[in-house]
Amino acid sequence: MTATAEVLLRRYFELAAQPDTAPYCAQFADDATVEDEGKEHHGIDAIRAWRAEVPPVSYTVHSYEPGDGSCDATVDIAGDFPGSPVTLAFSFEFDPDNRIRSLTIRP
């Protein structure tokens, strides 16, 4: 794994576990897209609204697979939601400024 991919993913999951969503949203490109539970959220405002609906959770990252400008991670998520904990696949694409261009979360 490249150091950049490791740093970016570590930062993502550290910020995702925090209650303050401003630093979390700042890691996304202005025109980023997040796909979660079969729904797409386009742009920072939509991502902020989506994130506001996510309950507090904890993340346990099991693996990273870096690619060229992308990275996939297998993650356990635990929290106060039905079916907790769950294992999900996170697929990231990054822009040249190392901001998240797209994030897809799937079972």
PDB file of N, CA and C in Angstrom:
ATOM      1  N   MET A   1       0.848  -1.170   0.000  1.00  0.00           N
ATOM      2  CA  MET A   1       0.000   0.000   0.000  1.00  0.00           C
ATOM      3  C   MET A   1       0.896   1.236   0.000  1.00  0.00           C
ATOM      4  N   THR A   2       0.475   2.239  -0.737  1.00  0.00           N
ATOM      5  CA  THR A   2       1.237   3.482  -0.726  1.00  0.00           C
ATOM      6  C   THR A   2       0.972   4.215   0.577  1.00  0.00           C
ATOM      7  N   ALA A   3       1.945   5.002   0.989  1.00  0.00           N
ATOM      8  CA  ALA A   3       1.772   5.778   2.216  1.00  0.00           C
ATOM      9  C   ALA A   3       0.597   6.730   2.066  1.00  0.00           C
ATOM     10  N   THR A   4       0.417   7.306   0.885  1.00  0.00           N
ATOM     11  CA  THR A   4      -0.680   8.244   0.669  1.00  0.00           C
ATOM     12  C   THR A   4      -2.029   7.577   0.903  1.00  0.00           C
ATOM     13  N   ALA A   5      -2.243   6.396   0.342  1.00  0.00           N
ATOM     14  CA  ALA A   5      -3.514   5.694   0.524  1.00  0.00           C
ATOM     15  C   ALA A   5      -3.743   5.376   1.993  1.00  0.00           C
ATOM     16  N   GLU A   6      -2.713   4.921   2.677  1.00  0.00           N
ATOM     17  CA  GLU A   6      -2.855   4.603   4.093  1.00  0.00           C
ATOM     18  C   GLU A   6      -3.209   5.846   4.898  1.00  0.00           C
ATOM     19  N   VAL A   7      -2.527   6.949   4.627  1.00  0.00           N
ATOM     20  CA  VAL A   7      -2.793   8.200   5.341  1.00  0.00           C
ATOM     21  C   VAL A   7      -4.216   8.678   5.065  1.00  0.00           C
ATOM     22  N   LEU A   8      -4.643   8.648   3.806  1.00  0.00           N
ATOM     23  CA  LEU A   8      -5.977   9.126   3.447  1.00  0.00           C
ATOM     24  C   LEU A   8      -7.071   8.274   4.084  1.00  0.00           C
ATOM     25  N   LEU A   9      -6.894   6.958   4.083  1.00  0.00           N
ATOM     26  CA  LEU A   9      -7.913   6.098   4.684  1.00  0.00           C
ATOM     27  C   LEU A   9      -7.929   6.215   6.204  1.00  0.00           C
ATOM     28  N   ARG A  10      -6.762   6.295   6.800  1.00  0.00           N
ATOM     29  CA  ARG A  10      -6.715   6.471   8.260  1.00  0.00           C
ATOM     30  C   ARG A  10      -7.424   7.779   8.635  1.00  0.00           C
ATOM     31  N   ARG A  11      -7.149   8.840   7.883  1.00  0.00           N
ATOM     32  CA  ARG A  11      -7.798  10.124   8.140  1.00  0.00           C
ATOM     33  C   ARG A  11      -9.312  10.002   7.974  1.00  0.00           C
ATOM     34  N   TYR A  12      -9.764   9.334   6.898  1.00  0.00           N
ATOM     35  CA  TYR A  12     -11.201   9.195   6.665  1.00  0.00           C
ATOM     36  C   TYR A  12     -11.882   8.548   7.870  1.00  0.00           C
ATOM     37  N   PHE A  13     -11.389   7.400   8.320  1.00  0.00           N
ATOM     38  CA  PHE A  13     -12.061   6.674   9.396  1.00  0.00           C
ATOM     39  C   PHE A  13     -11.909   7.366  10.750  1.00  0.00           C
ATOM     40  N   GLU A  14     -10.823   8.090  10.983  1.00  0.00           N
ATOM     41  CA  GLU A  14     -10.708   8.881  12.204  1.00  0.00           C
ATOM     42  C   GLU A  14     -11.747  10.000  12.213  1.00  0.00           C
ATOM     43  N   LEU A  15     -11.882  10.718  11.086  1.00  0.00           N
ATOM     44  CA  LEU A  15     -12.848  11.809  11.015  1.00  0.00           C
ATOM     45  C   LEU A  15     -14.286  11.299  11.005  1.00  0.00           C
ATOM     46  N   ALA A  16     -14.527  10.150  10.399  1.00  0.00           N
ATOM     47  CA  ALA A  16     -15.882   9.596  10.332  1.00  0.00           C
ATOM     48  C   ALA A  16     -16.413   9.241  11.715  1.00  0.00           C
ATOM     49  N   ALA A  17     -15.531   8.929  12.647  1.00  0.00           N
ATOM     50  CA  ALA A  17     -15.955   8.551  13.994  1.00  0.00           C
ATOM     51  C   ALA A  17     -16.174   9.764  14.899  1.00  0.00           C
ATOM     52  N   GLN A  18     -15.852  10.954  14.430  1.00  0.00           N
ATOM     53  CA  GLN A  18     -15.967  12.169  15.241  1.00  0.00           C
ATOM     54  C   GLN A  18     -17.349  12.805  15.086  1.00  0.00           C
ATOM     55  N   PRO A  19     -17.851  13.461  16.129  1.00  0.00           N
ATOM     56  CA  PRO A  19     -19.167  14.111  16.026  1.00  0.00           C
ATOM     57  C   PRO A  19     -19.155  15.375  15.161  1.00  0.00           C
ATOM     58  N   ASP A  20     -17.995  16.034  15.027  1.00  0.00           N
ATOM     59  CA  ASP A  20     -17.897  17.259  14.223  1.00  0.00           C
ATOM     60  C   ASP A  20     -17.780  16.868  12.756  1.00  0.00           C
ATOM     61  N   THR A  21     -18.793  17.193  11.953  1.00  0.00           N
ATOM     62  CA  THR A  21     -18.795  16.769  10.545  1.00  0.00           C
ATOM     63  C   THR A  21     -18.045  17.720   9.613  1.00  0.00           C
ATOM     64  N   ALA A  22     -17.661  18.907  10.084  1.00  0.00           N
ATOM     65  CA  ALA A  22     -16.966  19.859   9.207  1.00  0.00           C
ATOM     66  C   ALA A  22     -15.634  19.293   8.694  1.00  0.00           C
ATOM     67  N   PRO A  23     -14.755  18.774   9.563  1.00  0.00           N
ATOM     68  CA  PRO A  23     -13.511  18.194   9.043  1.00  0.00           C
ATOM     69  C   PRO A  23     -13.774  16.972   8.162  1.00  0.00           C
ATOM     70  N   TYR A  24     -14.781  16.193   8.514  1.00  0.00           N
ATOM     71  CA  TYR A  24     -15.140  15.026   7.698  1.00  0.00           C
ATOM     72  C   TYR A  24     -15.507  15.465   6.281  1.00  0.00           C
ATOM     73  N   CYS A  25     -16.389  16.439   6.159  1.00  0.00           N
ATOM     74  CA  CYS A  25     -16.843  16.902   4.838  1.00  0.00           C
ATOM     75  C   CYS A  25     -15.732  17.592   4.068  1.00  0.00           C
ATOM     76  N   ALA A  26     -14.785  18.210   4.761  1.00  0.00           N
ATOM     77  CA  ALA A  26     -13.688  18.923   4.098  1.00  0.00           C
ATOM     78  C   ALA A  26     -12.765  17.992   3.319  1.00  0.00           C
ATOM     79  N   GLN A  27     -12.802  16.700   3.582  1.00  0.00           N
ATOM     80  CA  GLN A  27     -11.926  15.784   2.852  1.00  0.00           C
ATOM     81  C   GLN A  27     -12.507  15.359   1.501  1.00  0.00           C
ATOM     82  N   PHE A  28     -13.725  15.818   1.195  1.00  0.00           N
ATOM     83  CA  PHE A  28     -14.366  15.513  -0.082  1.00  0.00           C
ATOM     84  C   PHE A  28     -14.174  16.650  -1.078  1.00  0.00           C
ATOM     85  N   ALA A  29     -14.021  16.312  -2.350  1.00  0.00           N
ATOM     86  CA  ALA A  29     -14.011  17.312  -3.414  1.00  0.00           C
ATOM     87  C   ALA A  29     -15.396  17.958  -3.482  1.00  0.00           C
ATOM     88  N   ASP A  30     -15.456  19.192  -3.967  1.00  0.00           N
ATOM     89  CA  ASP A  30     -16.729  19.920  -4.031  1.00  0.00           C
ATOM     90  C   ASP A  30     -17.801  19.172  -4.817  1.00  0.00           C
ATOM     91  N   ASP A  31     -17.387  18.441  -5.859  1.00  0.00           N
ATOM     92  CA  ASP A  31     -18.345  17.725  -6.709  1.00  0.00           C
ATOM     93  C   ASP A  31     -18.349  16.222  -6.434  1.00  0.00           C
ATOM     94  N   ALA A  32     -17.938  15.826  -5.238  1.00  0.00           N
ATOM     95  CA  ALA A  32     -17.842  14.407  -4.887  1.00  0.00           C
ATOM     96  C   ALA A  32     -19.210  13.727  -4.881  1.00  0.00           C
ATOM     97  N   THR A  33     -19.162  12.407  -4.984  1.00  0.00           N
ATOM     98  CA  THR A  33     -20.357  11.571  -4.915  1.00  0.00           C
ATOM     99  C   THR A  33     -20.143  10.478  -3.879  1.00  0.00           C
ATOM    100  N   VAL A  34     -21.150  10.266  -3.045  1.00  0.00           N
ATOM    101  CA  VAL A  34     -21.157   9.143  -2.113  1.00  0.00           C
ATOM    102  C   VAL A  34     -22.350   8.275  -2.463  1.00  0.00           C
ATOM    103  N   GLU A  35     -22.103   6.965  -2.594  1.00  0.00           N
ATOM    104  CA  GLU A  35     -23.186   5.999  -2.781  1.00  0.00           C
ATOM    105  C   GLU A  35     -23.227   5.114  -1.539  1.00  0.00           C
ATOM    106  N   ASP A  36     -24.370   5.098  -0.885  1.00  0.00           N
ATOM    107  CA  ASP A  36     -24.547   4.302   0.324  1.00  0.00           C
ATOM    108  C   ASP A  36     -25.987   3.806   0.352  1.00  0.00           C
ATOM    109  N   GLU A  37     -26.161   2.546   0.661  1.00  0.00           N
ATOM    110  CA  GLU A  37     -27.485   1.927   0.717  1.00  0.00           C
ATOM    111  C   GLU A  37     -28.267   2.150  -0.572  1.00  0.00           C
ATOM    112  N   GLY A  38     -27.567   2.111  -1.708  1.00  0.00           N
ATOM    113  CA  GLY A  38     -28.201   2.219  -3.013  1.00  0.00           C
ATOM    114  C   GLY A  38     -28.613   3.625  -3.407  1.00  0.00           C
ATOM    115  N   LYS A  39     -28.265   4.626  -2.605  1.00  0.00           N
ATOM    116  CA  LYS A  39     -28.616   6.013  -2.917  1.00  0.00           C
ATOM    117  C   LYS A  39     -27.339   6.803  -3.164  1.00  0.00           C
ATOM    118  N   GLU A  40     -27.405   7.704  -4.158  1.00  0.00           N
ATOM    119  CA  GLU A  40     -26.263   8.556  -4.460  1.00  0.00           C
ATOM    120  C   GLU A  40     -26.486   9.959  -3.910  1.00  0.00           C
ATOM    121  N   HIS A  41     -25.416  10.518  -3.379  1.00  0.00           N
ATOM    122  CA  HIS A  41     -25.429  11.861  -2.809  1.00  0.00           C
ATOM    123  C   HIS A  41     -24.336  12.650  -3.527  1.00  0.00           C
ATOM    124  N   HIS A  42     -24.737  13.697  -4.274  1.00  0.00           N
ATOM    125  CA  HIS A  42     -23.811  14.461  -5.113  1.00  0.00           C
ATOM    126  C   HIS A  42     -23.543  15.832  -4.512  1.00  0.00           C
ATOM    127  N   GLY A  43     -22.267  16.171  -4.339  1.00  0.00           N
ATOM    128  CA  GLY A  43     -21.878  17.485  -3.846  1.00  0.00           C
ATOM    129  C   GLY A  43     -21.812  17.545  -2.328  1.00  0.00           C
ATOM    130  N   ILE A  44     -21.093  18.538  -1.840  1.00  0.00           N
ATOM    131  CA  ILE A  44     -20.837  18.672  -0.406  1.00  0.00           C
ATOM    132  C   ILE A  44     -22.123  18.829   0.410  1.00  0.00           C
ATOM    133  N   ASP A  45     -23.077  19.616  -0.069  1.00  0.00           N
ATOM    134  CA  ASP A  45     -24.320  19.800   0.697  1.00  0.00           C
ATOM    135  C   ASP A  45     -25.070  18.488   0.860  1.00  0.00           C
ATOM    136  N   ALA A  46     -25.153  17.704  -0.198  1.00  0.00           N
ATOM    137  CA  ALA A  46     -25.836  16.405  -0.129  1.00  0.00           C
ATOM    138  C   ALA A  46     -25.062  15.432   0.761  1.00  0.00           C
ATOM    139  N   ILE A  47     -23.734  15.466   0.680  1.00  0.00           N
ATOM    140  CA  ILE A  47     -22.913  14.593   1.528  1.00  0.00           C
ATOM    141  C   ILE A  47     -23.076  14.992   2.989  1.00  0.00           C
ATOM    142  N   ARG A  48     -23.104  16.276   3.267  1.00  0.00           N
ATOM    143  CA  ARG A  48     -23.306  16.759   4.639  1.00  0.00           C
ATOM    144  C   ARG A  48     -24.666  16.292   5.177  1.00  0.00           C
ATOM    145  N   ALA A  49     -25.708  16.388   4.362  1.00  0.00           N
ATOM    146  CA  ALA A  49     -27.049  15.958   4.777  1.00  0.00           C
ATOM    147  C   ALA A  49     -27.079  14.450   5.021  1.00  0.00           C
ATOM    148  N   TRP A  50     -26.443  13.675   4.131  1.00  0.00           N
ATOM    149  CA  TRP A  50     -26.366  12.215   4.301  1.00  0.00           C
ATOM    150  C   TRP A  50     -25.649  11.883   5.605  1.00  0.00           C
ATOM    151  N   ARG A  51     -24.523  12.543   5.830  1.00  0.00           N
ATOM    152  CA  ARG A  51     -23.714  12.247   7.003  1.00  0.00           C
ATOM    153  C   ARG A  51     -24.447  12.584   8.299  1.00  0.00           C
ATOM    154  N   ALA A  52     -25.273  13.615   8.272  1.00  0.00           N
ATOM    155  CA  ALA A  52     -26.042  14.004   9.460  1.00  0.00           C
ATOM    156  C   ALA A  52     -27.011  12.910   9.886  1.00  0.00           C
ATOM    157  N   GLU A  53     -27.384  12.036   8.965  1.00  0.00           N
ATOM    158  CA  GLU A  53     -28.320  10.939   9.259  1.00  0.00           C
ATOM    159  C   GLU A  53     -27.619   9.669   9.743  1.00  0.00           C
ATOM    160  N   VAL A  54     -26.291   9.633   9.669  1.00  0.00           N
ATOM    161  CA  VAL A  54     -25.537   8.441  10.075  1.00  0.00           C
ATOM    162  C   VAL A  54     -25.420   8.435  11.598  1.00  0.00           C
ATOM    163  N   PRO A  55     -25.826   7.330  12.259  1.00  0.00           N
ATOM    164  CA  PRO A  55     -25.706   7.284  13.719  1.00  0.00           C
ATOM    165  C   PRO A  55     -24.235   7.179  14.131  1.00  0.00           C
ATOM    166  N   PRO A  56     -23.921   7.508  15.375  1.00  0.00           N
ATOM    167  CA  PRO A  56     -22.543   7.313  15.841  1.00  0.00           C
ATOM    168  C   PRO A  56     -22.154   5.835  15.729  1.00  0.00           C
ATOM    169  N   VAL A  57     -21.011   5.588  15.121  1.00  0.00           N
ATOM    170  CA  VAL A  57     -20.539   4.218  14.924  1.00  0.00           C
ATOM    171  C   VAL A  57     -19.040   4.150  15.182  1.00  0.00           C
ATOM    172  N   SER A  58     -18.552   2.927  15.328  1.00  0.00           N
ATOM    173  CA  SER A  58     -17.113   2.697  15.402  1.00  0.00           C
ATOM    174  C   SER A  58     -16.704   1.860  14.206  1.00  0.00           C
ATOM    175  N   TYR A  59     -15.455   2.017  13.799  1.00  0.00           N
ATOM    176  CA  TYR A  59     -14.939   1.357  12.601  1.00  0.00           C
ATOM    177  C   TYR A  59     -13.748   0.486  12.977  1.00  0.00           C
ATOM    178  N   THR A  60     -13.732  -0.726  12.423  1.00  0.00           N
ATOM    179  CA  THR A  60     -12.570  -1.598  12.517  1.00  0.00           C
ATOM    180  C   THR A  60     -12.188  -1.961  11.092  1.00  0.00           C
ATOM    181  N   VAL A  61     -11.053  -1.446  10.645  1.00  0.00           N
ATOM    182  CA  VAL A  61     -10.604  -1.680   9.274  1.00  0.00           C
ATOM    183  C   VAL A  61      -9.801  -2.977   9.247  1.00  0.00           C
ATOM    184  N   HIS A  62     -10.206  -3.878   8.348  1.00  0.00           N
ATOM    185  CA  HIS A  62      -9.534  -5.171   8.250  1.00  0.00           C
ATOM    186  C   HIS A  62      -8.499  -5.223   7.139  1.00  0.00           C
ATOM    187  N   SER A  63      -8.740  -4.507   6.045  1.00  0.00           N
ATOM    188  CA  SER A  63      -7.782  -4.550   4.945  1.00  0.00           C
ATOM    189  C   SER A  63      -7.928  -3.328   4.061  1.00  0.00           C
ATOM    190  N   TYR A  64      -6.818  -2.998   3.384  1.00  0.00           N
ATOM    191  CA  TYR A  64      -6.772  -1.929   2.383  1.00  0.00           C
ATOM    192  C   TYR A  64      -6.211  -2.515   1.104  1.00  0.00           C
ATOM    193  N   GLU A  65      -6.728  -2.088  -0.015  1.00  0.00           N
ATOM    194  CA  GLU A  65      -6.183  -2.462  -1.322  1.00  0.00           C
ATOM    195  C   GLU A  65      -6.030  -1.183  -2.132  1.00  0.00           C
ATOM    196  N   PRO A  66      -4.821  -0.616  -2.190  1.00  0.00           N
ATOM    197  CA  PRO A  66      -4.645   0.620  -2.937  1.00  0.00           C
ATOM    198  C   PRO A  66      -4.606   0.371  -4.440  1.00  0.00           C
ATOM    199  N   GLY A  67      -5.069   1.358  -5.183  1.00  0.00           N
ATOM    200  CA  GLY A  67      -4.989   1.334  -6.633  1.00  0.00           C
ATOM    201  C   GLY A  67      -4.405   2.654  -7.090  1.00  0.00           C
ATOM    202  N   ASP A  68      -4.460   2.905  -8.372  1.00  0.00           N
ATOM    203  CA  ASP A  68      -3.957   4.157  -8.917  1.00  0.00           C
ATOM    204  C   ASP A  68      -5.016   5.234  -8.717  1.00  0.00           C
ATOM    205  N   GLY A  69      -4.869   6.052  -7.688  1.00  0.00           N
ATOM    206  CA  GLY A  69      -5.851   7.084  -7.384  1.00  0.00           C
ATOM    207  C   GLY A  69      -7.094   6.559  -6.707  1.00  0.00           C
ATOM    208  N   SER A  70      -7.017   5.331  -6.199  1.00  0.00           N
ATOM    209  CA  SER A  70      -8.173   4.732  -5.553  1.00  0.00           C
ATOM    210  C   SER A  70      -7.708   3.833  -4.406  1.00  0.00           C
ATOM    211  N   CYS A  71      -8.655   3.378  -3.627  1.00  0.00           N
ATOM    212  CA  CYS A  71      -8.347   2.431  -2.565  1.00  0.00           C
ATOM    213  C   CYS A  71      -9.646   1.770  -2.118  1.00  0.00           C
ATOM    214  N   ASP A  72      -9.580   0.486  -1.843  1.00  0.00           N
ATOM    215  CA  ASP A  72     -10.717  -0.261  -1.314  1.00  0.00           C
ATOM    216  C   ASP A  72     -10.378  -0.713   0.105  1.00  0.00           C
ATOM    217  N   ALA A  73     -11.368  -0.727   0.968  1.00  0.00           N
ATOM    218  CA  ALA A  73     -11.168  -1.155   2.348  1.00  0.00           C
ATOM    219  C   ALA A  73     -12.332  -2.037   2.777  1.00  0.00           C
ATOM    220  N   THR A  74     -12.030  -3.054   3.565  1.00  0.00           N
ATOM    221  CA  THR A  74     -13.044  -3.899   4.190  1.00  0.00           C
ATOM    222  C   THR A  74     -13.109  -3.505   5.658  1.00  0.00           C
ATOM    223  N   VAL A  75     -14.336  -3.148   6.104  1.00  0.00           N
ATOM    224  CA  VAL A  75     -14.484  -2.493   7.400  1.00  0.00           C
ATOM    225  C   VAL A  75     -15.680  -3.073   8.159  1.00  0.00           C
ATOM    226  N   ASP A  76     -15.495  -3.337   9.447  1.00  0.00           N
ATOM    227  CA  ASP A  76     -16.616  -3.646  10.330  1.00  0.00           C
ATOM    228  C   ASP A  76     -17.108  -2.336  10.929  1.00  0.00           C
ATOM    229  N   ILE A  77     -18.427  -2.162  10.933  1.00  0.00           N
ATOM    230  CA  ILE A  77     -19.043  -0.974  11.510  1.00  0.00           C
ATOM    231  C   ILE A  77     -19.991  -1.443  12.605  1.00  0.00           C
ATOM    232  N   ALA A  78     -19.824  -0.868  13.793  1.00  0.00           N
ATOM    233  CA  ALA A  78     -20.675  -1.218  14.929  1.00  0.00           C
ATOM    234  C   ALA A  78     -21.283   0.051  15.512  1.00  0.00           C
ATOM    235  N   GLY A  79     -22.548  -0.057  15.892  1.00  0.00           N
ATOM    236  CA  GLY A  79     -23.232   1.084  16.485  1.00  0.00           C
ATOM    237  C   GLY A  79     -24.656   0.721  16.831  1.00  0.00           C
ATOM    238  N   ASP A  80     -25.449   1.720  17.083  1.00  0.00           N
ATOM    239  CA  ASP A  80     -26.844   1.532  17.468  1.00  0.00           C
ATOM    240  C   ASP A  80     -27.723   1.548  16.224  1.00  0.00           C
ATOM    241  N   PHE A  81     -27.665   0.452  15.457  1.00  0.00           N
ATOM    242  CA  PHE A  81     -28.500   0.306  14.273  1.00  0.00           C
ATOM    243  C   PHE A  81     -28.793  -1.168  14.069  1.00  0.00           C
ATOM    244  N   PRO A  82     -29.891  -1.498  13.402  1.00  0.00           N
ATOM    245  CA  PRO A  82     -30.252  -2.900  13.197  1.00  0.00           C
ATOM    246  C   PRO A  82     -29.162  -3.663  12.452  1.00  0.00           C
ATOM    247  N   GLY A  83     -28.847  -4.858  12.936  1.00  0.00           N
ATOM    248  CA  GLY A  83     -27.866  -5.714  12.280  1.00  0.00           C
ATOM    249  C   GLY A  83     -26.431  -5.443  12.676  1.00  0.00           C
ATOM    250  N   SER A  84     -26.210  -4.520  13.610  1.00  0.00           N
ATOM    251  CA  SER A  84     -24.852  -4.181  14.028  1.00  0.00           C
ATOM    252  C   SER A  84     -24.203  -5.354  14.738  1.00  0.00           C
ATOM    253  N   PRO A  85     -22.940  -5.609  14.473  1.00  0.00           N
ATOM    254  CA  PRO A  85     -22.053  -4.971  13.518  1.00  0.00           C
ATOM    255  C   PRO A  85     -22.228  -5.559  12.117  1.00  0.00           C
ATOM    256  N   VAL A  86     -21.783  -4.794  11.120  1.00  0.00           N
ATOM    257  CA  VAL A  86     -21.818  -5.249   9.733  1.00  0.00           C
ATOM    258  C   VAL A  86     -20.439  -5.053   9.114  1.00  0.00           C
ATOM    259  N   THR A  87     -20.132  -5.887   8.135  1.00  0.00           N
ATOM    260  CA  THR A  87     -18.902  -5.736   7.363  1.00  0.00           C
ATOM    261  C   THR A  87     -19.276  -5.131   6.023  1.00  0.00           C
ATOM    262  N   LEU A  88     -18.622  -4.021   5.688  1.00  0.00           N
ATOM    263  CA  LEU A  88     -18.919  -3.312   4.450  1.00  0.00           C
ATOM    264  C   LEU A  88     -17.642  -3.077   3.659  1.00  0.00           C
ATOM    265  N   ALA A  89     -17.806  -2.932   2.352  1.00  0.00           N
ATOM    266  CA  ALA A  89     -16.706  -2.597   1.460  1.00  0.00           C
ATOM    267  C   ALA A  89     -16.789  -1.118   1.114  1.00  0.00           C
ATOM    268  N   PHE A  90     -15.712  -0.401   1.355  1.00  0.00           N
ATOM    269  CA  PHE A  90     -15.601   1.019   1.023  1.00  0.00           C
ATOM    270  C   PHE A  90     -14.669   1.143  -0.170  1.00  0.00           C
ATOM    271  N   SER A  91     -15.143   1.779  -1.235  1.00  0.00           N
ATOM    272  CA  SER A  91     -14.314   2.015  -2.423  1.00  0.00           C
ATOM    273  C   SER A  91     -14.163   3.514  -2.609  1.00  0.00           C
ATOM    274  N   PHE A  92     -12.926   3.981  -2.539  1.00  0.00           N
ATOM    275  CA  PHE A  92     -12.602   5.395  -2.641  1.00  0.00           C
ATOM    276  C   PHE A  92     -11.923   5.693  -3.966  1.00  0.00           C
ATOM    277  N   GLU A  93     -12.226   6.840  -4.545  1.00  0.00           N
ATOM    278  CA  GLU A  93     -11.444   7.414  -5.636  1.00  0.00           C
ATOM    279  C   GLU A  93     -11.044   8.801  -5.179  1.00  0.00           C
ATOM    280  N   PHE A  94      -9.770   9.153  -5.418  1.00  0.00           N
ATOM    281  CA  PHE A  94      -9.227  10.430  -4.967  1.00  0.00           C
ATOM    282  C   PHE A  94      -8.900  11.331  -6.150  1.00  0.00           C
ATOM    283  N   ASP A  95      -9.012  12.635  -5.941  1.00  0.00           N
ATOM    284  CA  ASP A  95      -8.626  13.582  -6.983  1.00  0.00           C
ATOM    285  C   ASP A  95      -7.129  13.900  -6.826  1.00  0.00           C
ATOM    286  N   PRO A  96      -6.558  14.669  -7.731  1.00  0.00           N
ATOM    287  CA  PRO A  96      -5.124  14.979  -7.637  1.00  0.00           C
ATOM    288  C   PRO A  96      -4.724  15.717  -6.359  1.00  0.00           C
ATOM    289  N   ASP A  97      -5.668  16.356  -5.688  1.00  0.00           N
ATOM    290  CA  ASP A  97      -5.393  17.044  -4.424  1.00  0.00           C
ATOM    291  C   ASP A  97      -5.603  16.138  -3.214  1.00  0.00           C
ATOM    292  N   ASN A  98      -5.751  14.833  -3.456  1.00  0.00           N
ATOM    293  CA  ASN A  98      -5.962  13.833  -2.400  1.00  0.00           C
ATOM    294  C   ASN A  98      -7.270  14.005  -1.657  1.00  0.00           C
ATOM    295  N   ARG A  99      -8.239  14.647  -2.292  1.00  0.00           N
ATOM    296  CA  ARG A  99      -9.583  14.714  -1.713  1.00  0.00           C
ATOM    297  C   ARG A  99     -10.405  13.578  -2.314  1.00  0.00           C
ATOM    298  N   ILE A 100     -11.436  13.168  -1.611  1.00  0.00           N
ATOM    299  CA  ILE A 100     -12.277  12.067  -2.071  1.00  0.00           C
ATOM    300  C   ILE A 100     -13.175  12.574  -3.197  1.00  0.00           C
ATOM    301  N   ARG A 101     -13.051  11.947  -4.361  1.00  0.00           N
ATOM    302  CA  ARG A 101     -13.886  12.275  -5.516  1.00  0.00           C
ATOM    303  C   ARG A 101     -15.157  11.426  -5.486  1.00  0.00           C
ATOM    304  N   SER A 102     -14.998  10.157  -5.090  1.00  0.00           N
ATOM    305  CA  SER A 102     -16.166   9.299  -4.941  1.00  0.00           C
ATOM    306  C   SER A 102     -15.919   8.261  -3.857  1.00  0.00           C
ATOM    307  N   LEU A 103     -17.014   7.892  -3.212  1.00  0.00           N
ATOM    308  CA  LEU A 103     -17.003   6.866  -2.168  1.00  0.00           C
ATOM    309  C   LEU A 103     -18.231   6.001  -2.380  1.00  0.00           C
ATOM    310  N   THR A 104     -17.992   4.715  -2.506  1.00  0.00           N
ATOM    311  CA  THR A 104     -19.082   3.749  -2.630  1.00  0.00           C
ATOM    312  C   THR A 104     -18.989   2.803  -1.442  1.00  0.00           C
ATOM    313  N   ILE A 105     -20.113   2.628  -0.748  1.00  0.00           N
ATOM    314  CA  ILE A 105     -20.173   1.751   0.427  1.00  0.00           C
ATOM    315  C   ILE A 105     -21.189   0.665   0.113  1.00  0.00           C
ATOM    316  N   ARG A 106     -20.710  -0.602   0.189  1.00  0.00           N
ATOM    317  CA  ARG A 106     -21.591  -1.732  -0.145  1.00  0.00           C
ATOM    318  C   ARG A 106     -21.358  -2.892   0.812  1.00  0.00           C
ATOM    319  N   PRO A 107     -22.410  -3.724   0.958  1.00  0.00           N
ATOM    320  CA  PRO A 107     -22.250  -4.922   1.803  1.00  0.00           C
ATOM    321  C   PRO A 107     -21.262  -5.912   1.184  1.00  0.00           C
TER     322      PRO A 107
END
